[in-house]
Amino acid sequence: MNSDVDAFPVAIHSSAELGELVRAVRRSQGLLQADLAGLSGTGNRFVVDLERGKPTLQLQKVLDMLDLLGLEVQVAPKPARLP
């Protein structure tokens, strides 16, 4: 995945890609993992796990973290592939 935070929208296909995006956006905002944990009311472990792409994190907490970072999830059909 390209970590360029100016290249939006971006398609996410795995928890690892989402974690890379969260890390890139957090860093672009000048936040440490501990800062983000404190702002979101979660533990530092949650931020670490999210950025590492742990696939079993609670969805609502992930969505709350994305919202805090100024991001949102949009669901759309995949573009049709040519044969």
Protein backbone atom coordinates (compact mmCIF):
# COMPACT_ATOMS: atom_id res chain seq x y z
CA MET A 1 0.00 0.00 0.00
CA ASN A 2 1.16 3.52 -0.70
CA SER A 3 1.48 5.43 2.61
CA ASP A 4 1.06 8.83 0.95
CA VAL A 5 -1.69 10.43 3.03
CA ASP A 6 -2.49 12.82 0.18
CA ALA A 7 -3.54 9.95 -2.12
CA PHE A 8 -7.19 9.60 -1.10
CA PRO A 9 -9.48 7.80 -1.55
CA VAL A 10 -7.60 4.57 -1.00
CA ALA A 11 -8.92 1.02 -1.32
CA ILE A 12 -8.22 -1.13 1.73
CA HIS A 13 -8.14 -4.90 1.26
CA SER A 14 -6.70 -6.13 4.54
CA SER A 15 -6.32 -5.24 8.19
CA ALA A 16 -2.59 -4.78 7.53
CA GLU A 17 -3.30 -2.13 4.88
CA LEU A 18 -5.68 -0.35 7.24
CA GLY A 19 -2.99 -0.40 9.92
CA GLU A 20 -0.44 1.13 7.54
CA LEU A 21 -2.90 3.88 6.66
CA VAL A 22 -3.65 4.64 10.31
CA ARG A 23 0.08 4.83 11.07
CA ALA A 24 0.74 7.16 8.12
CA VAL A 25 -2.15 9.48 9.02
CA ARG A 26 -1.20 9.52 12.71
CA ARG A 27 2.38 10.43 11.85
CA SER A 28 1.28 13.09 9.36
CA GLN A 29 -0.71 14.69 12.19
CA GLY A 30 2.36 14.69 14.44
CA LEU A 31 0.86 12.26 16.94
CA LEU A 32 2.64 9.54 18.87
CA GLN A 33 0.89 6.23 19.48
CA ALA A 34 0.51 7.23 23.14
CA ASP A 35 -1.08 10.54 22.08
CA LEU A 36 -3.64 8.74 19.94
CA ALA A 37 -4.38 6.25 22.68
CA GLY A 38 -5.00 9.06 25.16
CA LEU A 39 -7.19 11.05 22.78
CA SER A 40 -9.28 8.00 21.92
CA GLY A 41 -9.60 6.67 25.46
CA THR A 42 -8.04 3.35 24.50
CA GLY A 43 -4.86 1.72 25.66
CA ASN A 44 -1.59 2.05 23.79
CA ARG A 45 -1.84 -1.68 23.05
CA PHE A 46 -4.95 -1.06 20.93
CA VAL A 47 -3.14 1.52 18.78
CA VAL A 48 -0.15 -0.80 18.37
CA ASP A 49 -2.42 -3.72 17.41
CA LEU A 50 -4.39 -1.57 14.95
CA GLU A 51 -1.24 -0.31 13.24
CA ARG A 52 0.12 -3.85 13.03
CA GLY A 53 -3.07 -4.98 11.30
CA LYS A 54 -4.45 -7.28 13.99
CA PRO A 55 -7.59 -8.66 12.33
CA THR A 56 -9.59 -9.32 15.51
CA LEU A 57 -9.96 -5.80 16.90
CA GLN A 58 -13.43 -4.52 17.82
CA LEU A 59 -14.93 -2.88 14.76
CA GLN A 60 -16.58 0.01 16.64
CA LYS A 61 -13.29 0.93 18.32
CA VAL A 62 -11.55 0.90 14.93
CA LEU A 63 -14.28 3.10 13.43
CA ASP A 64 -14.01 5.48 16.40
CA MET A 65 -10.24 5.69 15.90
CA LEU A 66 -10.66 6.42 12.19
CA ASP A 67 -13.17 9.16 13.01
CA LEU A 68 -10.75 10.68 15.51
CA LEU A 69 -8.11 10.80 12.77
CA GLY A 70 -10.54 12.50 10.40
CA LEU A 71 -11.17 9.41 8.29
CA GLU A 72 -14.36 7.58 7.38
CA VAL A 73 -15.26 4.24 5.88
CA GLN A 74 -17.26 4.17 2.66
CA VAL A 75 -18.43 0.95 1.05
CA ALA A 76 -18.83 0.78 -2.73
CA PRO A 77 -18.98 -1.92 -5.37
CA LYS A 78 -15.65 -2.91 -6.86
CA PRO A 79 -15.02 -1.63 -10.37
CA ALA A 80 -15.83 -4.20 -13.04
CA ARG A 81 -12.81 -6.10 -14.27
CA LEU A 82 -12.16 -6.50 -17.95
CA PRO A 83 -11.87 -10.12 -19.18
